[in-house]
Every structure is written in structure tokens, then in C-alpha cells.
Amino acid sequence: MNLDEFNNLDPQNFGNWPIAVKAVIIALLCAAALGAGYYFDTQKQLQELTKKEREEKTLFDDFKDKQWKAATLPKLEQQLTEIEANLKDLQRKLPSKAEVAGLIQDISQQAIASGLKSELFKPDREQRGSVYVEIPIQLRFLGDYHSFGKFISGVAAMPRIVTQHNLKIKETGQDKLMMEMIAKIYRYLEEEPLEESNKKGKK
């Protein structure tokens, strides 16, 4: 097959064209048809398929996330129950506003029972937190190491929460030692009566 065969072809007498030429023409027509089909139909379908695959992945990831949450929900609910129980237990260890005076007196009695001489016992201003109120107490005692240890252990063993901070022990030049510290007691934050809140608001 050469170029002359294409030049001498009669478009109106396709049946007499050489077989090789017919094969080339048919191949070109098939290629054109496939190209047109791809451009006008298959390409759009492939784009839609890609979009659906992305949606499938998003839905699958969402499903896995929800499945994980559903699987861990009982454990999270159990942990929440334990946290709430621990919180209630801690709240029971915090005195109410009416019980604070008694707790301060218990600390003073513990100092006396430990054989300490009180030089300073001064509750400071309350410091309000988000869920509790902190009440620092400045303490200064005279005694010996044994008495100091007995007092610190006794305060730590109290049923109410009392923390001890900035502990310092120094000599006084006499037979006694001086211990300075800050004890902090905590009470739970009670809801104020409506009338009292209104008064504060007016002020």
C-alpha cells in the first residue's frame, strides 16, 4: 500500500477500495468513535466515579469514627461515673461555710495536743475558685522537731482536706525552735441565696 492508492480512491465506490485501505479507514473511524465516546461520555463518567470514590472514603472515615465512638462509649460512661463518684467523695471532704470555724478550731487543738506554743494563728482572706473557696491560715509555733512532726502528721490525717505550704523551721536562740507555715483549708462553693446575690449586685 502506497500513497498513490489513497490518491486514486473513488469516494463513491468504497466497495472497490483495496482491503488494506479499507482496514486503515475502518481503524481510523473506530479510533475516532472511541475518542468521541471517551470525550463526550466516558470522561464524564470517570469524573463522576472519582467524585463517588471521594464521597465513599469520606463516608467510610465517618463510619469508622462513629463506630469507634460507639465502641468506646460504655467505657467513657464508666469513667464519667467514676469521676463523678470521686468528685462527690472529695466534696464530702470539704467543709461547708458553717463548718469552717470548727475546722480552724480543730487545727488549733491539734497544735495544743502536739505540745506547741502558738505565736501566730491568723486566718487570711478567702480566695474564691471556680468550684471551691480556699482559706489560708498563717501559723507560727514554738516547739521541737518531734512536736512539729506530730502536728504536721495530725493535720494531714484530718478527715477534712488541709494542705500545708511554705514550711520553715529556724532557731530562736533559746531551747525552742520556731516553725512558720501556711495551712490552707477548702470549702465547697455554695450557691448564695437570691436575696444576698441581689444585694451584691445593687452594691
N, C-alpha and C. Protein backbone atom coordinates (compact mmCIF):
# COMPACT_ATOMS: atom_id res chain seq x y z
N MET A 1 0.86 -1.20 0.00
CA MET A 1 0.00 0.00 0.00
C MET A 1 0.89 1.23 0.00
N ASN A 2 0.60 2.13 -0.99
CA ASN A 2 1.39 3.36 -1.08
C ASN A 2 0.45 4.55 -1.18
N LEU A 3 1.05 5.72 -1.25
CA LEU A 3 0.26 6.96 -1.26
C LEU A 3 -0.61 7.07 -2.50
N ASP A 4 -0.16 6.50 -3.64
CA ASP A 4 -0.95 6.59 -4.87
C ASP A 4 -2.29 5.89 -4.73
N GLU A 5 -2.33 4.86 -3.95
CA GLU A 5 -3.59 4.14 -3.76
C GLU A 5 -4.62 5.04 -3.08
N PHE A 6 -4.19 5.87 -2.15
CA PHE A 6 -5.11 6.80 -1.48
C PHE A 6 -5.55 7.92 -2.42
N ASN A 7 -4.63 8.36 -3.29
CA ASN A 7 -4.97 9.45 -4.21
C ASN A 7 -5.96 9.01 -5.29
N ASN A 8 -5.92 7.75 -5.65
CA ASN A 8 -6.78 7.25 -6.73
C ASN A 8 -8.09 6.64 -6.23
N LEU A 9 -8.41 6.83 -5.00
CA LEU A 9 -9.62 6.24 -4.44
C LEU A 9 -10.84 7.00 -4.90
N ASP A 10 -11.91 6.27 -5.22
CA ASP A 10 -13.18 6.87 -5.61
C ASP A 10 -14.10 6.86 -4.39
N PRO A 11 -14.41 8.04 -3.82
CA PRO A 11 -15.24 8.07 -2.61
C PRO A 11 -16.61 7.43 -2.81
N GLN A 12 -17.11 7.40 -4.03
CA GLN A 12 -18.44 6.85 -4.25
C GLN A 12 -18.39 5.34 -4.54
N ASN A 13 -17.19 4.77 -4.61
CA ASN A 13 -17.07 3.34 -4.90
C ASN A 13 -16.22 2.67 -3.82
N PHE A 14 -16.69 2.77 -2.59
CA PHE A 14 -15.94 2.27 -1.44
C PHE A 14 -15.72 0.76 -1.52
N GLY A 15 -16.67 0.08 -2.19
CA GLY A 15 -16.55 -1.38 -2.25
C GLY A 15 -15.35 -1.87 -3.03
N ASN A 16 -14.85 -1.06 -3.96
CA ASN A 16 -13.70 -1.48 -4.76
C ASN A 16 -12.37 -1.02 -4.18
N TRP A 17 -12.38 -0.37 -3.02
CA TRP A 17 -11.12 0.08 -2.42
C TRP A 17 -10.29 -1.14 -2.02
N PRO A 18 -8.98 -1.01 -2.04
CA PRO A 18 -8.12 -2.12 -1.57
C PRO A 18 -8.43 -2.45 -0.11
N ILE A 19 -8.24 -3.73 0.19
CA ILE A 19 -8.55 -4.20 1.55
C ILE A 19 -7.69 -3.46 2.59
N ALA A 20 -6.45 -3.22 2.26
CA ALA A 20 -5.56 -2.52 3.21
C ALA A 20 -6.06 -1.12 3.50
N VAL A 21 -6.52 -0.46 2.45
CA VAL A 21 -7.04 0.91 2.63
C VAL A 21 -8.30 0.88 3.47
N LYS A 22 -9.18 -0.09 3.14
CA LYS A 22 -10.41 -0.21 3.95
C LYS A 22 -10.08 -0.43 5.43
N ALA A 23 -9.06 -1.27 5.67
CA ALA A 23 -8.68 -1.56 7.06
C ALA A 23 -8.21 -0.31 7.78
N VAL A 24 -7.41 0.50 7.07
CA VAL A 24 -6.90 1.74 7.68
C VAL A 24 -8.04 2.70 7.96
N ILE A 25 -8.94 2.84 6.99
CA ILE A 25 -10.07 3.76 7.17
C ILE A 25 -10.95 3.31 8.33
N ILE A 26 -11.25 2.01 8.37
CA ILE A 26 -12.09 1.49 9.46
C ILE A 26 -11.42 1.69 10.81
N ALA A 27 -10.07 1.47 10.83
CA ALA A 27 -9.34 1.66 12.09
C ALA A 27 -9.40 3.12 12.54
N LEU A 28 -9.26 4.02 11.57
CA LEU A 28 -9.33 5.45 11.91
C LEU A 28 -10.72 5.83 12.41
N LEU A 29 -11.75 5.28 11.76
CA LEU A 29 -13.12 5.58 12.18
C LEU A 29 -13.40 5.03 13.59
N CYS A 30 -12.89 3.82 13.84
CA CYS A 30 -13.09 3.24 15.19
C CYS A 30 -12.38 4.08 16.25
N ALA A 31 -11.14 4.52 15.90
CA ALA A 31 -10.39 5.35 16.85
C ALA A 31 -11.12 6.66 17.11
N ALA A 32 -11.67 7.24 16.02
CA ALA A 32 -12.41 8.49 16.19
C ALA A 32 -13.66 8.29 17.03
N ALA A 33 -14.33 7.16 16.79
CA ALA A 33 -15.53 6.87 17.56
C ALA A 33 -15.21 6.67 19.04
N LEU A 34 -14.11 5.93 19.29
CA LEU A 34 -13.70 5.72 20.69
C LEU A 34 -13.31 7.04 21.35
N GLY A 35 -12.57 7.88 20.59
CA GLY A 35 -12.17 9.18 21.15
C GLY A 35 -13.37 10.05 21.46
N ALA A 36 -14.34 10.07 20.52
CA ALA A 36 -15.54 10.87 20.75
C ALA A 36 -16.34 10.33 21.94
N GLY A 37 -16.42 8.99 22.02
CA GLY A 37 -17.14 8.39 23.15
C GLY A 37 -16.49 8.71 24.48
N TYR A 38 -15.13 8.66 24.49
CA TYR A 38 -14.42 8.99 25.71
C TYR A 38 -14.63 10.45 26.09
N TYR A 39 -14.54 11.33 25.07
CA TYR A 39 -14.63 12.77 25.35
C TYR A 39 -16.02 13.17 25.82
N PHE A 40 -17.03 12.64 25.15
CA PHE A 40 -18.39 13.09 25.44
C PHE A 40 -19.08 12.27 26.53
N ASP A 41 -18.61 11.07 26.81
CA ASP A 41 -19.34 10.22 27.77
C ASP A 41 -18.42 9.62 28.84
N THR A 42 -17.40 8.90 28.40
CA THR A 42 -16.55 8.18 29.37
C THR A 42 -15.82 9.12 30.31
N GLN A 43 -15.32 10.24 29.78
CA GLN A 43 -14.60 11.20 30.63
C GLN A 43 -15.49 11.72 31.76
N LYS A 44 -16.74 12.00 31.41
CA LYS A 44 -17.68 12.48 32.43
C LYS A 44 -17.96 11.40 33.46
N GLN A 45 -18.06 10.15 32.96
CA GLN A 45 -18.30 9.04 33.88
C GLN A 45 -17.12 8.82 34.82
N LEU A 46 -15.90 8.98 34.29
CA LEU A 46 -14.71 8.83 35.13
C LEU A 46 -14.65 9.93 36.19
N GLN A 47 -14.99 11.15 35.82
CA GLN A 47 -15.03 12.24 36.81
C GLN A 47 -16.06 11.96 37.89
N GLU A 48 -17.22 11.44 37.47
CA GLU A 48 -18.26 11.10 38.44
C GLU A 48 -17.81 9.96 39.34
N LEU A 49 -17.09 9.00 38.74
CA LEU A 49 -16.57 7.88 39.54
C LEU A 49 -15.57 8.37 40.59
N THR A 50 -14.68 9.29 40.17
CA THR A 50 -13.70 9.85 41.12
C THR A 50 -14.40 10.58 42.26
N LYS A 51 -15.44 11.33 41.93
CA LYS A 51 -16.22 12.04 42.94
C LYS A 51 -16.88 11.08 43.91
N LYS A 52 -17.46 9.99 43.34
CA LYS A 52 -18.12 9.00 44.19
C LYS A 52 -17.11 8.27 45.08
N GLU A 53 -15.91 8.04 44.56
CA GLU A 53 -14.88 7.40 45.37
C GLU A 53 -14.47 8.28 46.54
N ARG A 54 -14.36 9.60 46.29
CA ARG A 54 -14.05 10.53 47.39
C ARG A 54 -15.16 10.54 48.43
N GLU A 55 -16.41 10.55 47.96
CA GLU A 55 -17.54 10.52 48.88
C GLU A 55 -17.56 9.22 49.69
N GLU A 56 -17.22 8.12 49.00
CA GLU A 56 -17.19 6.83 49.69
C GLU A 56 -16.15 6.83 50.80
N LYS A 57 -14.96 7.39 50.50
CA LYS A 57 -13.90 7.45 51.51
C LYS A 57 -14.33 8.32 52.69
N THR A 58 -14.97 9.46 52.39
CA THR A 58 -15.44 10.34 53.47
C THR A 58 -16.47 9.63 54.35
N LEU A 59 -17.41 8.94 53.69
CA LEU A 59 -18.44 8.22 54.44
C LEU A 59 -17.83 7.08 55.24
N PHE A 60 -16.83 6.40 54.66
CA PHE A 60 -16.19 5.30 55.37
C PHE A 60 -15.43 5.80 56.59
N ASP A 61 -14.71 6.92 56.43
CA ASP A 61 -13.99 7.51 57.57
C ASP A 61 -14.98 7.94 58.65
N ASP A 62 -16.09 8.53 58.23
CA ASP A 62 -17.12 8.94 59.19
C ASP A 62 -17.70 7.73 59.91
N PHE A 63 -17.90 6.65 59.16
CA PHE A 63 -18.42 5.42 59.75
C PHE A 63 -17.45 4.86 60.78
N LYS A 64 -16.15 4.83 60.43
CA LYS A 64 -15.15 4.32 61.37
C LYS A 64 -15.10 5.17 62.63
N ASP A 65 -15.20 6.49 62.47
CA ASP A 65 -15.19 7.38 63.63
C ASP A 65 -16.39 7.12 64.54
N LYS A 66 -17.57 6.99 63.92
CA LYS A 66 -18.76 6.72 64.72
C LYS A 66 -18.71 5.34 65.35
N GLN A 67 -18.15 4.37 64.62
CA GLN A 67 -18.03 3.03 65.16
C GLN A 67 -17.11 3.02 66.37
N TRP A 68 -15.99 3.78 66.27
CA TRP A 68 -15.07 3.86 67.41
C TRP A 68 -15.74 4.52 68.61
N LYS A 69 -16.50 5.59 68.35
CA LYS A 69 -17.19 6.26 69.45
C LYS A 69 -18.21 5.34 70.10
N ALA A 70 -18.92 4.58 69.26
CA ALA A 70 -19.92 3.66 69.80
C ALA A 70 -19.26 2.56 70.62
N ALA A 71 -18.07 2.12 70.18
CA ALA A 71 -17.38 1.06 70.91
C ALA A 71 -16.81 1.56 72.24
N THR A 72 -16.37 2.82 72.27
CA THR A 72 -15.76 3.35 73.49
C THR A 72 -16.77 4.05 74.40
N LEU A 73 -18.00 4.21 73.94
CA LEU A 73 -19.00 4.92 74.74
C LEU A 73 -19.22 4.28 76.11
N PRO A 74 -19.40 2.95 76.20
CA PRO A 74 -19.60 2.35 77.53
C PRO A 74 -18.43 2.62 78.47
N LYS A 75 -17.20 2.56 77.92
CA LYS A 75 -16.03 2.81 78.76
C LYS A 75 -15.99 4.26 79.22
N LEU A 76 -16.33 5.18 78.31
CA LEU A 76 -16.35 6.61 78.67
C LEU A 76 -17.43 6.89 79.70
N GLU A 77 -18.58 6.24 79.56
CA GLU A 77 -19.65 6.42 80.54
C GLU A 77 -19.22 5.90 81.90
N GLN A 78 -18.50 4.76 81.92
CA GLN A 78 -18.00 4.22 83.18
C GLN A 78 -17.00 5.17 83.82
N GLN A 79 -16.09 5.73 82.99
CA GLN A 79 -15.11 6.69 83.52
C GLN A 79 -15.80 7.93 84.06
N LEU A 80 -16.83 8.40 83.35
CA LEU A 80 -17.57 9.56 83.82
C LEU A 80 -18.23 9.29 85.17
N THR A 81 -18.81 8.08 85.32
CA THR A 81 -19.43 7.70 86.59
C THR A 81 -18.40 7.68 87.71
N GLU A 82 -17.19 7.15 87.40
CA GLU A 82 -16.13 7.10 88.41
C GLU A 82 -15.67 8.51 88.78
N ILE A 83 -15.54 9.38 87.77
CA ILE A 83 -15.12 10.76 88.05
C ILE A 83 -16.15 11.47 88.92
N GLU A 84 -17.43 11.28 88.61
CA GLU A 84 -18.49 11.91 89.40
C GLU A 84 -18.48 11.39 90.83
N ALA A 85 -18.22 10.08 90.99
CA ALA A 85 -18.16 9.50 92.33
C ALA A 85 -16.97 10.06 93.11
N ASN A 86 -15.80 10.18 92.43
CA ASN A 86 -14.62 10.74 93.08
C ASN A 86 -14.85 12.20 93.46
N LEU A 87 -15.54 12.94 92.58
CA LEU A 87 -15.82 14.34 92.87
C LEU A 87 -16.72 14.47 94.10
N LYS A 88 -17.74 13.61 94.17
CA LYS A 88 -18.62 13.64 95.33
C LYS A 88 -17.86 13.28 96.60
N ASP A 89 -16.94 12.31 96.48
CA ASP A 89 -16.14 11.91 97.64
C ASP A 89 -15.27 13.07 98.11
N LEU A 90 -14.67 13.80 97.14
CA LEU A 90 -13.86 14.95 97.51
C LEU A 90 -14.71 16.07 98.12
N GLN A 91 -15.89 16.25 97.57
CA GLN A 91 -16.78 17.28 98.11
C GLN A 91 -17.18 16.97 99.54
N ARG A 92 -17.33 15.68 99.84
CA ARG A 92 -17.66 15.30 101.22
C ARG A 92 -16.53 15.63 102.19
N LYS A 93 -15.29 15.69 101.65
CA LYS A 93 -14.15 16.02 102.49
C LYS A 93 -13.96 17.53 102.66
N LEU A 94 -14.75 18.31 101.91
CA LEU A 94 -14.67 19.76 102.05
C LEU A 94 -15.77 20.23 102.99
N PRO A 95 -15.42 21.07 103.93
CA PRO A 95 -16.46 21.55 104.86
C PRO A 95 -17.36 22.58 104.19
N SER A 96 -18.53 22.75 104.75
CA SER A 96 -19.41 23.83 104.31
C SER A 96 -18.95 25.12 104.99
N LYS A 97 -19.57 26.22 104.62
CA LYS A 97 -19.19 27.51 105.20
C LYS A 97 -19.41 27.51 106.71
N ALA A 98 -20.46 26.83 107.14
CA ALA A 98 -20.77 26.80 108.57
C ALA A 98 -19.78 25.93 109.35
N GLU A 99 -19.09 25.00 108.64
CA GLU A 99 -18.18 24.08 109.33
C GLU A 99 -16.74 24.58 109.35
N VAL A 100 -16.46 25.68 108.66
CA VAL A 100 -15.09 26.17 108.57
C VAL A 100 -14.54 26.55 109.95
N ALA A 101 -15.35 27.23 110.73
CA ALA A 101 -14.89 27.66 112.06
C ALA A 101 -14.48 26.47 112.90
N GLY A 102 -15.26 25.37 112.82
CA GLY A 102 -14.92 24.17 113.58
C GLY A 102 -13.62 23.55 113.11
N LEU A 103 -13.36 23.58 111.79
CA LEU A 103 -12.11 23.03 111.26
C LEU A 103 -10.92 23.86 111.70
N ILE A 104 -11.07 25.18 111.71
CA ILE A 104 -9.99 26.05 112.21
C ILE A 104 -9.69 25.75 113.67
N GLN A 105 -10.72 25.51 114.44
CA GLN A 105 -10.53 25.17 115.85
C GLN A 105 -9.84 23.82 115.99
N ASP A 106 -10.16 22.86 115.09
CA ASP A 106 -9.51 21.55 115.14
C ASP A 106 -8.01 21.68 114.90
N ILE A 107 -7.62 22.58 113.98
CA ILE A 107 -6.20 22.79 113.72
C ILE A 107 -5.52 23.37 114.96
N SER A 108 -6.19 24.31 115.60
CA SER A 108 -5.65 24.90 116.82
C SER A 108 -5.50 23.86 117.93
N GLN A 109 -6.50 22.99 118.05
CA GLN A 109 -6.45 21.94 119.07
C GLN A 109 -5.34 20.94 118.77
N GLN A 110 -5.09 20.70 117.48
CA GLN A 110 -4.01 19.79 117.11
C GLN A 110 -2.66 20.36 117.52
N ALA A 111 -2.49 21.67 117.41
CA ALA A 111 -1.25 22.31 117.84
C ALA A 111 -1.05 22.15 119.34
N ILE A 112 -2.14 22.35 120.10
CA ILE A 112 -2.05 22.20 121.55
C ILE A 112 -1.72 20.77 121.93
N ALA A 113 -2.41 19.80 121.23
CA ALA A 113 -2.17 18.39 121.53
C ALA A 113 -0.76 17.95 121.16
N SER A 114 -0.13 18.67 120.23
CA SER A 114 1.24 18.33 119.83
C SER A 114 2.28 18.99 120.73
N GLY A 115 1.84 19.78 121.68
CA GLY A 115 2.75 20.42 122.61
C GLY A 115 3.41 21.67 122.06
N LEU A 116 2.77 22.34 121.12
CA LEU A 116 3.33 23.55 120.52
C LEU A 116 2.76 24.79 121.18
N LYS A 117 3.58 25.81 121.21
CA LYS A 117 3.14 27.11 121.71
C LYS A 117 2.84 27.99 120.50
N SER A 118 1.64 28.51 120.43
CA SER A 118 1.22 29.30 119.28
C SER A 118 1.69 30.74 119.41
N GLU A 119 2.42 31.20 118.40
CA GLU A 119 2.85 32.59 118.32
C GLU A 119 1.99 33.39 117.34
N LEU A 120 1.45 32.70 116.35
CA LEU A 120 0.62 33.35 115.34
C LEU A 120 -0.36 32.33 114.77
N PHE A 121 -1.62 32.70 114.78
CA PHE A 121 -2.66 31.85 114.19
C PHE A 121 -3.65 32.80 113.53
N LYS A 122 -3.44 33.07 112.24
CA LYS A 122 -4.18 34.13 111.58
C LYS A 122 -4.82 33.65 110.27
N PRO A 123 -6.11 33.40 110.27
CA PRO A 123 -6.81 33.09 109.01
C PRO A 123 -6.83 34.33 108.12
N ASP A 124 -6.44 34.16 106.86
CA ASP A 124 -6.43 35.27 105.91
C ASP A 124 -7.73 35.30 105.11
N ARG A 125 -7.76 36.25 104.20
CA ARG A 125 -8.96 36.45 103.39
C ARG A 125 -9.21 35.25 102.48
N GLU A 126 -10.46 34.91 102.31
CA GLU A 126 -10.84 33.80 101.44
C GLU A 126 -10.47 34.10 99.99
N GLN A 127 -10.05 33.06 99.27
CA GLN A 127 -9.73 33.17 97.85
C GLN A 127 -10.69 32.25 97.09
N ARG A 128 -11.55 32.85 96.31
CA ARG A 128 -12.62 32.10 95.63
C ARG A 128 -12.10 31.49 94.32
N GLY A 129 -12.32 30.19 94.15
CA GLY A 129 -12.00 29.50 92.91
C GLY A 129 -13.28 29.21 92.14
N SER A 130 -13.16 28.34 91.14
CA SER A 130 -14.32 28.04 90.30
C SER A 130 -15.30 27.10 90.98
N VAL A 131 -14.77 26.16 91.79
CA VAL A 131 -15.66 25.19 92.45
C VAL A 131 -15.44 25.12 93.96
N TYR A 132 -14.46 25.85 94.48
CA TYR A 132 -14.21 25.81 95.92
C TYR A 132 -13.65 27.15 96.37
N VAL A 133 -13.62 27.33 97.69
CA VAL A 133 -13.06 28.54 98.29
C VAL A 133 -11.86 28.12 99.13
N GLU A 134 -10.75 28.81 98.95
CA GLU A 134 -9.52 28.50 99.67
C GLU A 134 -9.33 29.51 100.80
N ILE A 135 -9.02 28.99 101.99
CA ILE A 135 -8.83 29.85 103.15
C ILE A 135 -7.43 29.59 103.72
N PRO A 136 -6.46 30.49 103.47
CA PRO A 136 -5.11 30.30 104.03
C PRO A 136 -5.05 30.78 105.48
N ILE A 137 -4.24 30.07 106.26
CA ILE A 137 -4.06 30.43 107.68
C ILE A 137 -2.56 30.53 107.94
N GLN A 138 -2.12 31.68 108.40
CA GLN A 138 -0.71 31.87 108.75
C GLN A 138 -0.48 31.31 110.15
N LEU A 139 0.54 30.43 110.26
CA LEU A 139 0.82 29.77 111.54
C LEU A 139 2.28 29.99 111.93
N ARG A 140 2.48 30.21 113.24
CA ARG A 140 3.84 30.27 113.79
C ARG A 140 3.81 29.63 115.17
N PHE A 141 4.64 28.59 115.35
CA PHE A 141 4.66 27.84 116.61
C PHE A 141 6.08 27.76 117.15
N LEU A 142 6.15 27.59 118.46
CA LEU A 142 7.41 27.28 119.13
C LEU A 142 7.33 25.84 119.63
N GLY A 143 8.43 25.09 119.45
CA GLY A 143 8.44 23.70 119.89
C GLY A 143 9.73 23.03 119.47
N ASP A 144 9.69 21.70 119.36
CA ASP A 144 10.85 20.94 118.90
C ASP A 144 10.46 20.11 117.68
N TYR A 145 11.44 19.44 117.10
CA TYR A 145 11.18 18.68 115.89
C TYR A 145 10.11 17.62 116.09
N HIS A 146 10.13 16.96 117.23
CA HIS A 146 9.14 15.91 117.49
C HIS A 146 7.73 16.50 117.51
N SER A 147 7.58 17.65 118.16
CA SER A 147 6.26 18.29 118.24
C SER A 147 5.80 18.77 116.87
N PHE A 148 6.76 19.31 116.08
CA PHE A 148 6.40 19.76 114.73
C PHE A 148 5.92 18.59 113.88
N GLY A 149 6.65 17.47 113.95
CA GLY A 149 6.26 16.29 113.18
C GLY A 149 4.90 15.75 113.60
N LYS A 150 4.63 15.78 114.89
CA LYS A 150 3.35 15.30 115.38
C LYS A 150 2.20 16.19 114.87
N PHE A 151 2.43 17.51 114.87
CA PHE A 151 1.41 18.43 114.40
C PHE A 151 1.15 18.25 112.90
N ILE A 152 2.22 18.18 112.11
CA ILE A 152 2.07 18.04 110.66
C ILE A 152 1.34 16.74 110.32
N SER A 153 1.70 15.65 110.99
CA SER A 153 1.05 14.36 110.74
C SER A 153 -0.42 14.40 111.15
N GLY A 154 -0.68 15.06 112.28
CA GLY A 154 -2.05 15.15 112.76
C GLY A 154 -2.95 15.94 111.81
N VAL A 155 -2.42 17.04 111.28
CA VAL A 155 -3.20 17.85 110.35
C VAL A 155 -3.44 17.08 109.04
N ALA A 156 -2.40 16.37 108.58
CA ALA A 156 -2.53 15.60 107.33
C ALA A 156 -3.55 14.47 107.48
N ALA A 157 -3.74 13.97 108.69
CA ALA A 157 -4.66 12.86 108.92
C ALA A 157 -6.09 13.31 109.18
N MET A 158 -6.33 14.59 109.16
CA MET A 158 -7.69 15.07 109.42
C MET A 158 -8.65 14.60 108.33
N PRO A 159 -9.90 14.34 108.68
CA PRO A 159 -10.87 13.88 107.67
C PRO A 159 -11.17 14.94 106.62
N ARG A 160 -10.96 16.21 106.98
CA ARG A 160 -11.14 17.28 106.01
C ARG A 160 -9.81 17.57 105.32
N ILE A 161 -9.87 18.13 104.11
CA ILE A 161 -8.65 18.41 103.34
C ILE A 161 -8.00 19.68 103.87
N VAL A 162 -6.77 19.54 104.36
CA VAL A 162 -5.97 20.67 104.81
C VAL A 162 -4.57 20.48 104.22
N THR A 163 -4.12 21.44 103.42
CA THR A 163 -2.78 21.35 102.84
C THR A 163 -1.84 22.30 103.58
N GLN A 164 -0.55 21.96 103.57
CA GLN A 164 0.44 22.73 104.33
C GLN A 164 1.52 23.22 103.36
N HIS A 165 1.85 24.51 103.46
CA HIS A 165 2.74 25.15 102.48
C HIS A 165 3.78 26.02 103.18
N ASN A 166 4.89 26.27 102.46
CA ASN A 166 5.95 27.23 102.87
C ASN A 166 6.43 26.97 104.30
N LEU A 167 6.68 25.71 104.59
CA LEU A 167 7.10 25.35 105.95
C LEU A 167 8.57 25.76 106.16
N LYS A 168 8.82 26.47 107.25
CA LYS A 168 10.17 26.90 107.60
C LYS A 168 10.39 26.66 109.09
N ILE A 169 11.55 26.11 109.39
CA ILE A 169 11.94 25.90 110.79
C ILE A 169 13.27 26.59 111.02
N LYS A 170 13.33 27.39 112.08
CA LYS A 170 14.58 28.11 112.39
C LYS A 170 14.78 28.18 113.89
N GLU A 171 16.01 28.42 114.24
CA GLU A 171 16.36 28.52 115.67
C GLU A 171 15.95 29.88 116.21
N THR A 172 15.63 29.90 117.49
CA THR A 172 15.23 31.14 118.14
C THR A 172 16.29 31.67 119.08
N GLY A 173 17.39 30.93 119.24
CA GLY A 173 18.42 31.34 120.20
C GLY A 173 18.13 30.81 121.58
N GLN A 174 17.01 30.12 121.75
CA GLN A 174 16.66 29.52 123.02
C GLN A 174 16.61 28.01 122.83
N ASP A 175 15.99 27.32 123.77
CA ASP A 175 15.87 25.87 123.65
C ASP A 175 14.84 25.46 122.62
N LYS A 176 13.96 26.37 122.29
CA LYS A 176 12.87 26.06 121.36
C LYS A 176 13.23 26.44 119.92
N LEU A 177 12.56 25.75 119.01
CA LEU A 177 12.65 26.09 117.59
C LEU A 177 11.36 26.78 117.17
N MET A 178 11.43 27.52 116.07
CA MET A 178 10.24 28.20 115.55
C MET A 178 9.88 27.61 114.19
N MET A 179 8.61 27.29 114.04
CA MET A 179 8.12 26.79 112.76
C MET A 179 7.07 27.75 112.21
N GLU A 180 7.28 28.15 110.95
CA GLU A 180 6.31 29.00 110.25
C GLU A 180 5.77 28.24 109.04
N MET A 181 4.51 28.39 108.81
CA MET A 181 3.90 27.71 107.66
C MET A 181 2.56 28.34 107.34
N ILE A 182 2.01 27.96 106.21
CA ILE A 182 0.66 28.37 105.83
C ILE A 182 -0.16 27.10 105.62
N ALA A 183 -1.22 26.98 106.38
CA ALA A 183 -2.16 25.88 106.20
C ALA A 183 -3.34 26.40 105.39
N LYS A 184 -3.76 25.62 104.43
CA LYS A 184 -4.89 26.02 103.59
C LYS A 184 -6.03 25.02 103.75
N ILE A 185 -7.18 25.54 104.12
CA ILE A 185 -8.37 24.71 104.18
C ILE A 185 -9.30 25.12 103.03
N TYR A 186 -10.16 24.22 102.64
CA TYR A 186 -11.00 24.44 101.47
C TYR A 186 -12.45 24.11 101.82
N ARG A 187 -13.34 24.92 101.36
CA ARG A 187 -14.75 24.62 101.48
C ARG A 187 -15.39 24.69 100.10
N TYR A 188 -16.42 23.88 99.92
CA TYR A 188 -17.04 23.87 98.60
C TYR A 188 -17.85 25.14 98.40
N LEU A 189 -17.93 25.55 97.17
CA LEU A 189 -18.58 26.81 96.82
C LEU A 189 -20.09 26.60 96.84
N GLU A 190 -20.72 27.20 97.83
CA GLU A 190 -22.16 27.06 97.97
C GLU A 190 -22.87 28.13 97.16
N GLU A 191 -24.07 27.81 96.69
CA GLU A 191 -24.87 28.80 95.98
C GLU A 191 -25.38 29.84 96.97
N GLU A 192 -25.18 31.10 96.62
CA GLU A 192 -25.62 32.17 97.50
C GLU A 192 -27.13 32.33 97.40
N PRO A 193 -27.77 32.66 98.51
CA PRO A 193 -29.20 32.95 98.45
C PRO A 193 -29.50 34.07 97.47
N LEU A 194 -30.67 34.03 96.87
CA LEU A 194 -31.03 35.00 95.85
C LEU A 194 -31.01 36.42 96.39
N GLU A 195 -31.50 36.62 97.60
CA GLU A 195 -31.55 37.97 98.18
C GLU A 195 -30.14 38.52 98.36
N GLU A 196 -29.19 37.65 98.83
CA GLU A 196 -27.84 38.12 99.06
C GLU A 196 -27.17 38.49 97.73
N SER A 197 -27.42 37.67 96.67
CA SER A 197 -26.86 37.97 95.36
C SER A 197 -27.39 39.30 94.84
N ASN A 198 -28.68 39.56 95.07
CA ASN A 198 -29.28 40.81 94.59
C ASN A 198 -28.67 42.01 95.32
N LYS A 199 -28.40 41.84 96.61
CA LYS A 199 -27.79 42.92 97.37
C LYS A 199 -26.41 43.26 96.85
N LYS A 200 -25.63 42.17 96.52
CA LYS A 200 -24.29 42.40 96.00
C LYS A 200 -24.35 43.07 94.64
N GLY A 201 -25.35 42.68 93.85
CA GLY A 201 -25.50 43.27 92.53
C GLY A 201 -25.82 44.74 92.63
N LYS A 202 -26.68 45.12 93.59
CA LYS A 202 -27.02 46.52 93.76
C LYS A 202 -25.83 47.33 94.21
N LYS A 203 -25.00 46.71 95.10
CA LYS A 203 -23.82 47.43 95.54
C LYS A 203 -22.86 47.70 94.40
